[in-house]
Amino acid sequence: MASITTNSTSFVSNLREQIEYPKSGVLSKVLIKDNNCQHTLFCLATGTEIAEHTSTRNATVTVIEGRGILTLEGREISLEAGVFVFMPANAPHALQAQENLAFLLTLSEHHSHEN
């Protein structure tokens, strides 16, 4: 099901065909990752909540289908198909699926400006 590869190999997938909703909670599939990025398909059952947390990596969320609320740095963002969100590293965020919700999460390396 999940396909893990590096950036030296091409990868093609129809995201809608990969969607599988669990009866409750979250089902995630790492589609591709390398040393810099990880692309994971998340499928959340209606009513699922992910408590506030942070990540040490930059992240983007691209909603494929469904509806939910992303609370990002205290601001509520309505999630629906086509919505794209960038979350900087260490930004507090939480998620609630109002109905079955599928999105692609891309984590990328966070580079400090100290280089």
N, C-alpha and C. Protein backbone atom coordinates (compact mmCIF):
# COMPACT_ATOMS: atom_id res chain seq x y z
N MET A 1 0.82 -1.19 0.00
CA MET A 1 0.00 0.00 0.00
C MET A 1 0.86 1.25 0.00
N ALA A 2 1.57 1.49 1.09
CA ALA A 2 2.42 2.68 1.15
C ALA A 2 3.67 2.41 0.33
N SER A 3 4.09 3.39 -0.43
CA SER A 3 5.28 3.26 -1.24
C SER A 3 6.31 4.25 -0.75
N ILE A 4 7.46 3.74 -0.35
CA ILE A 4 8.53 4.61 0.12
C ILE A 4 9.67 4.53 -0.87
N THR A 5 10.15 5.67 -1.27
CA THR A 5 11.21 5.71 -2.25
C THR A 5 12.09 6.93 -1.98
N THR A 6 13.13 7.09 -2.74
CA THR A 6 13.99 8.26 -2.60
C THR A 6 13.83 9.14 -3.83
N ASN A 7 14.48 10.29 -3.80
CA ASN A 7 14.33 11.21 -4.92
C ASN A 7 15.04 10.75 -6.19
N SER A 8 15.69 9.60 -6.16
CA SER A 8 16.36 9.10 -7.35
C SER A 8 15.41 8.27 -8.23
N THR A 9 14.17 8.07 -7.76
CA THR A 9 13.19 7.29 -8.50
C THR A 9 11.92 8.10 -8.67
N SER A 10 11.37 8.11 -9.88
CA SER A 10 10.09 8.79 -10.10
C SER A 10 8.99 8.06 -9.36
N PHE A 11 7.95 8.80 -9.02
CA PHE A 11 6.82 8.21 -8.30
C PHE A 11 5.54 8.89 -8.76
N VAL A 12 4.54 8.09 -9.10
CA VAL A 12 3.24 8.61 -9.52
C VAL A 12 2.16 7.85 -8.76
N SER A 13 1.17 8.59 -8.24
CA SER A 13 0.07 7.95 -7.53
C SER A 13 -1.18 8.80 -7.67
N ASN A 14 -2.34 8.15 -7.83
CA ASN A 14 -3.61 8.85 -7.78
C ASN A 14 -4.02 8.89 -6.32
N LEU A 15 -3.97 10.09 -5.72
CA LEU A 15 -4.23 10.20 -4.28
C LEU A 15 -5.62 9.74 -3.90
N ARG A 16 -6.62 10.05 -4.72
CA ARG A 16 -7.99 9.62 -4.39
C ARG A 16 -8.10 8.11 -4.31
N GLU A 17 -7.33 7.39 -5.12
CA GLU A 17 -7.35 5.92 -5.08
C GLU A 17 -6.66 5.37 -3.84
N GLN A 18 -5.82 6.17 -3.20
CA GLN A 18 -5.09 5.74 -2.00
C GLN A 18 -5.89 5.95 -0.71
N ILE A 19 -6.97 6.74 -0.79
CA ILE A 19 -7.74 7.09 0.41
C ILE A 19 -8.45 5.87 0.98
N GLU A 20 -8.25 5.65 2.28
CA GLU A 20 -8.95 4.60 3.04
C GLU A 20 -9.28 5.19 4.40
N TYR A 21 -10.56 5.34 4.70
CA TYR A 21 -10.94 5.91 5.99
C TYR A 21 -11.07 4.82 7.03
N PRO A 22 -10.46 5.01 8.20
CA PRO A 22 -10.66 4.06 9.29
C PRO A 22 -12.04 4.27 9.91
N LYS A 23 -12.51 3.31 10.70
CA LYS A 23 -13.79 3.47 11.40
C LYS A 23 -13.69 4.58 12.43
N SER A 24 -12.50 4.74 13.01
CA SER A 24 -12.25 5.84 13.93
C SER A 24 -10.76 6.15 13.89
N GLY A 25 -10.41 7.37 14.26
CA GLY A 25 -9.01 7.73 14.33
C GLY A 25 -8.39 8.11 12.99
N VAL A 26 -7.10 7.81 12.88
CA VAL A 26 -6.29 8.26 11.75
C VAL A 26 -5.61 7.08 11.08
N LEU A 27 -5.61 7.09 9.76
CA LEU A 27 -4.81 6.15 8.98
C LEU A 27 -3.86 6.99 8.15
N SER A 28 -2.57 6.73 8.25
CA SER A 28 -1.60 7.50 7.46
C SER A 28 -0.75 6.55 6.64
N LYS A 29 -0.37 7.03 5.44
CA LYS A 29 0.46 6.26 4.53
C LYS A 29 1.58 7.16 4.03
N VAL A 30 2.82 6.78 4.33
CA VAL A 30 3.96 7.51 3.77
C VAL A 30 4.06 7.11 2.30
N LEU A 31 3.90 8.09 1.41
CA LEU A 31 3.94 7.81 -0.02
C LEU A 31 5.35 7.85 -0.57
N ILE A 32 6.10 8.85 -0.11
CA ILE A 32 7.48 9.00 -0.59
C ILE A 32 8.25 9.83 0.43
N LYS A 33 9.52 9.48 0.60
CA LYS A 33 10.37 10.30 1.46
C LYS A 33 11.81 10.18 1.01
N ASP A 34 12.56 11.23 1.32
CA ASP A 34 13.99 11.22 1.09
C ASP A 34 14.64 11.97 2.24
N ASN A 35 15.87 12.39 2.08
CA ASN A 35 16.56 13.07 3.18
C ASN A 35 15.99 14.44 3.49
N ASN A 36 15.23 15.05 2.56
CA ASN A 36 14.73 16.41 2.74
C ASN A 36 13.24 16.51 2.99
N CYS A 37 12.45 15.62 2.41
CA CYS A 37 10.98 15.72 2.48
C CYS A 37 10.34 14.37 2.76
N GLN A 38 9.15 14.45 3.34
CA GLN A 38 8.32 13.26 3.51
C GLN A 38 6.90 13.65 3.13
N HIS A 39 6.26 12.87 2.26
CA HIS A 39 4.90 13.12 1.78
C HIS A 39 4.03 11.99 2.30
N THR A 40 3.05 12.36 3.14
CA THR A 40 2.21 11.36 3.80
C THR A 40 0.74 11.67 3.56
N LEU A 41 -0.02 10.66 3.15
CA LEU A 41 -1.47 10.79 3.00
C LEU A 41 -2.11 10.49 4.35
N PHE A 42 -2.91 11.43 4.85
CA PHE A 42 -3.63 11.23 6.10
C PHE A 42 -5.12 11.09 5.80
N CYS A 43 -5.75 10.09 6.41
CA CYS A 43 -7.19 9.87 6.29
C CYS A 43 -7.75 9.83 7.71
N LEU A 44 -8.62 10.79 8.03
CA LEU A 44 -9.19 10.91 9.38
C LEU A 44 -10.68 10.61 9.33
N ALA A 45 -11.14 9.78 10.25
CA ALA A 45 -12.57 9.49 10.37
C ALA A 45 -13.29 10.69 10.95
N THR A 46 -14.56 10.84 10.60
CA THR A 46 -15.39 11.91 11.14
C THR A 46 -15.27 11.96 12.67
N GLY A 47 -15.08 13.17 13.20
CA GLY A 47 -15.01 13.36 14.64
C GLY A 47 -13.63 13.19 15.25
N THR A 48 -12.66 12.77 14.45
CA THR A 48 -11.31 12.58 14.97
C THR A 48 -10.68 13.93 15.32
N GLU A 49 -10.02 13.97 16.46
CA GLU A 49 -9.31 15.18 16.88
C GLU A 49 -7.85 14.85 17.12
N ILE A 50 -6.98 15.71 16.66
CA ILE A 50 -5.55 15.60 16.95
C ILE A 50 -5.21 16.80 17.84
N ALA A 51 -4.77 16.51 19.05
CA ALA A 51 -4.49 17.57 20.03
C ALA A 51 -3.35 18.47 19.56
N GLU A 52 -3.32 19.67 20.13
CA GLU A 52 -2.30 20.64 19.74
C GLU A 52 -0.90 20.06 19.94
N HIS A 53 -0.06 20.29 18.95
CA HIS A 53 1.32 19.83 18.98
C HIS A 53 2.15 20.72 18.05
N THR A 54 3.44 20.47 18.00
CA THR A 54 4.32 21.20 17.09
C THR A 54 5.18 20.19 16.34
N SER A 55 5.86 20.67 15.32
CA SER A 55 6.80 19.85 14.56
C SER A 55 8.08 20.66 14.38
N THR A 56 9.20 19.99 14.39
CA THR A 56 10.47 20.67 14.18
C THR A 56 10.73 20.92 12.69
N ARG A 57 9.80 20.47 11.85
CA ARG A 57 9.95 20.64 10.40
C ARG A 57 8.87 21.55 9.85
N ASN A 58 9.15 22.25 8.75
CA ASN A 58 8.12 22.98 8.02
C ASN A 58 7.14 21.95 7.47
N ALA A 59 5.88 22.36 7.31
CA ALA A 59 4.87 21.43 6.80
C ALA A 59 3.89 22.15 5.89
N THR A 60 3.36 21.40 4.92
CA THR A 60 2.24 21.89 4.14
C THR A 60 1.13 20.85 4.22
N VAL A 61 -0.10 21.35 4.18
CA VAL A 61 -1.29 20.50 4.14
C VAL A 61 -2.03 20.84 2.87
N THR A 62 -2.34 19.83 2.06
CA THR A 62 -3.14 20.00 0.85
C THR A 62 -4.36 19.10 1.00
N VAL A 63 -5.54 19.71 1.16
CA VAL A 63 -6.76 18.93 1.41
C VAL A 63 -7.27 18.33 0.09
N ILE A 64 -7.55 17.04 0.13
CA ILE A 64 -8.05 16.32 -1.05
C ILE A 64 -9.57 16.25 -1.02
N GLU A 65 -10.12 15.86 0.14
CA GLU A 65 -11.57 15.80 0.28
C GLU A 65 -11.95 15.86 1.75
N GLY A 66 -13.23 16.16 2.00
CA GLY A 66 -13.75 16.21 3.36
C GLY A 66 -13.73 17.61 3.92
N ARG A 67 -14.05 17.69 5.23
CA ARG A 67 -14.09 18.98 5.92
C ARG A 67 -13.51 18.85 7.31
N GLY A 68 -12.87 19.92 7.76
CA GLY A 68 -12.32 19.93 9.11
C GLY A 68 -11.91 21.33 9.50
N ILE A 69 -11.40 21.44 10.71
CA ILE A 69 -10.90 22.70 11.24
C ILE A 69 -9.46 22.49 11.69
N LEU A 70 -8.57 23.30 11.14
CA LEU A 70 -7.18 23.32 11.58
C LEU A 70 -7.00 24.57 12.43
N THR A 71 -6.55 24.39 13.65
CA THR A 71 -6.22 25.53 14.50
C THR A 71 -4.71 25.69 14.42
N LEU A 72 -4.27 26.79 13.81
CA LEU A 72 -2.86 27.06 13.58
C LEU A 72 -2.48 28.36 14.26
N GLU A 73 -1.62 28.26 15.25
CA GLU A 73 -1.18 29.42 16.02
C GLU A 73 -2.36 30.23 16.54
N GLY A 74 -3.41 29.49 17.03
CA GLY A 74 -4.58 30.12 17.61
C GLY A 74 -5.65 30.56 16.62
N ARG A 75 -5.40 30.43 15.32
CA ARG A 75 -6.35 30.85 14.28
C ARG A 75 -7.03 29.62 13.68
N GLU A 76 -8.37 29.67 13.57
CA GLU A 76 -9.12 28.55 12.98
C GLU A 76 -9.17 28.69 11.46
N ILE A 77 -8.79 27.62 10.78
CA ILE A 77 -8.79 27.57 9.32
C ILE A 77 -9.73 26.46 8.88
N SER A 78 -10.71 26.79 8.04
CA SER A 78 -11.64 25.78 7.51
C SER A 78 -10.94 24.98 6.43
N LEU A 79 -10.98 23.67 6.60
CA LEU A 79 -10.37 22.77 5.62
C LEU A 79 -11.46 22.18 4.74
N GLU A 80 -11.25 22.24 3.44
CA GLU A 80 -12.12 21.59 2.46
C GLU A 80 -11.26 21.33 1.23
N ALA A 81 -11.76 20.56 0.29
CA ALA A 81 -10.99 20.19 -0.90
C ALA A 81 -10.37 21.41 -1.55
N GLY A 82 -9.09 21.32 -1.84
CA GLY A 82 -8.38 22.39 -2.53
C GLY A 82 -7.66 23.36 -1.63
N VAL A 83 -7.91 23.32 -0.32
CA VAL A 83 -7.24 24.26 0.59
C VAL A 83 -5.79 23.81 0.79
N PHE A 84 -4.89 24.79 0.74
CA PHE A 84 -3.46 24.56 0.94
C PHE A 84 -3.00 25.43 2.10
N VAL A 85 -2.27 24.84 3.04
CA VAL A 85 -1.80 25.57 4.23
C VAL A 85 -0.31 25.31 4.40
N PHE A 86 0.45 26.38 4.66
CA PHE A 86 1.86 26.25 5.03
C PHE A 86 1.97 26.48 6.53
N MET A 87 2.66 25.58 7.22
CA MET A 87 2.88 25.72 8.66
C MET A 87 4.39 25.76 8.91
N PRO A 88 4.89 26.86 9.44
CA PRO A 88 6.33 26.91 9.73
C PRO A 88 6.69 25.97 10.88
N ALA A 89 7.94 25.57 10.93
CA ALA A 89 8.42 24.72 12.01
C ALA A 89 8.08 25.34 13.36
N ASN A 90 7.73 24.50 14.31
CA ASN A 90 7.44 24.88 15.70
C ASN A 90 6.14 25.67 15.89
N ALA A 91 5.30 25.78 14.86
CA ALA A 91 4.01 26.46 15.00
C ALA A 91 3.01 25.51 15.68
N PRO A 92 2.39 25.91 16.80
CA PRO A 92 1.41 25.05 17.44
C PRO A 92 0.17 24.88 16.54
N HIS A 93 -0.30 23.64 16.43
CA HIS A 93 -1.47 23.37 15.61
C HIS A 93 -2.22 22.15 16.13
N ALA A 94 -3.54 22.13 15.83
CA ALA A 94 -4.43 21.03 16.20
C ALA A 94 -5.42 20.84 15.06
N LEU A 95 -6.09 19.71 15.04
CA LEU A 95 -6.97 19.38 13.92
C LEU A 95 -8.21 18.66 14.39
N GLN A 96 -9.34 18.98 13.77
CA GLN A 96 -10.59 18.27 14.02
C GLN A 96 -11.24 17.96 12.69
N ALA A 97 -11.58 16.68 12.46
CA ALA A 97 -12.28 16.27 11.23
C ALA A 97 -13.78 16.39 11.46
N GLN A 98 -14.44 17.29 10.74
CA GLN A 98 -15.90 17.46 10.86
C GLN A 98 -16.63 16.38 10.07
N GLU A 99 -15.98 15.86 9.06
CA GLU A 99 -16.44 14.69 8.31
C GLU A 99 -15.18 13.97 7.88
N ASN A 100 -15.31 12.80 7.24
CA ASN A 100 -14.12 12.10 6.77
C ASN A 100 -13.25 13.10 6.03
N LEU A 101 -11.96 13.14 6.37
CA LEU A 101 -11.05 14.15 5.85
C LEU A 101 -9.77 13.48 5.36
N ALA A 102 -9.37 13.81 4.12
CA ALA A 102 -8.13 13.29 3.56
C ALA A 102 -7.26 14.45 3.10
N PHE A 103 -5.99 14.40 3.47
CA PHE A 103 -5.06 15.45 3.04
C PHE A 103 -3.66 14.89 2.89
N LEU A 104 -2.87 15.58 2.07
CA LEU A 104 -1.47 15.25 1.88
C LEU A 104 -0.67 16.17 2.79
N LEU A 105 0.13 15.59 3.66
CA LEU A 105 1.02 16.35 4.53
C LEU A 105 2.44 16.20 4.01
N THR A 106 3.09 17.31 3.75
CA THR A 106 4.48 17.29 3.32
C THR A 106 5.33 17.95 4.39
N LEU A 107 6.28 17.20 4.92
CA LEU A 107 7.22 17.72 5.89
C LEU A 107 8.53 17.98 5.17
N SER A 108 9.12 19.15 5.42
CA SER A 108 10.40 19.47 4.80
C SER A 108 11.36 19.96 5.87
N GLU A 109 12.62 19.89 5.57
CA GLU A 109 13.63 20.30 6.54
C GLU A 109 13.50 21.78 6.86
N HIS A 110 13.70 22.09 8.11
CA HIS A 110 13.71 23.48 8.56
C HIS A 110 15.17 23.89 8.70
N HIS A 111 15.57 24.88 7.93
CA HIS A 111 16.96 25.35 8.00
C HIS A 111 16.99 26.68 8.72
N SER A 112 17.86 26.79 9.70
CA SER A 112 17.98 28.06 10.42
C SER A 112 18.74 29.06 9.56
N HIS A 113 18.65 30.32 9.94
CA HIS A 113 19.32 31.38 9.20
C HIS A 113 20.75 31.57 9.69
N GLU A 114 21.23 30.63 10.51
CA GLU A 114 22.57 30.75 11.08
C GLU A 114 23.66 30.27 10.14
N ASN A 115 23.29 29.65 9.03
CA ASN A 115 24.30 29.09 8.11
C ASN A 115 25.09 30.16 7.42
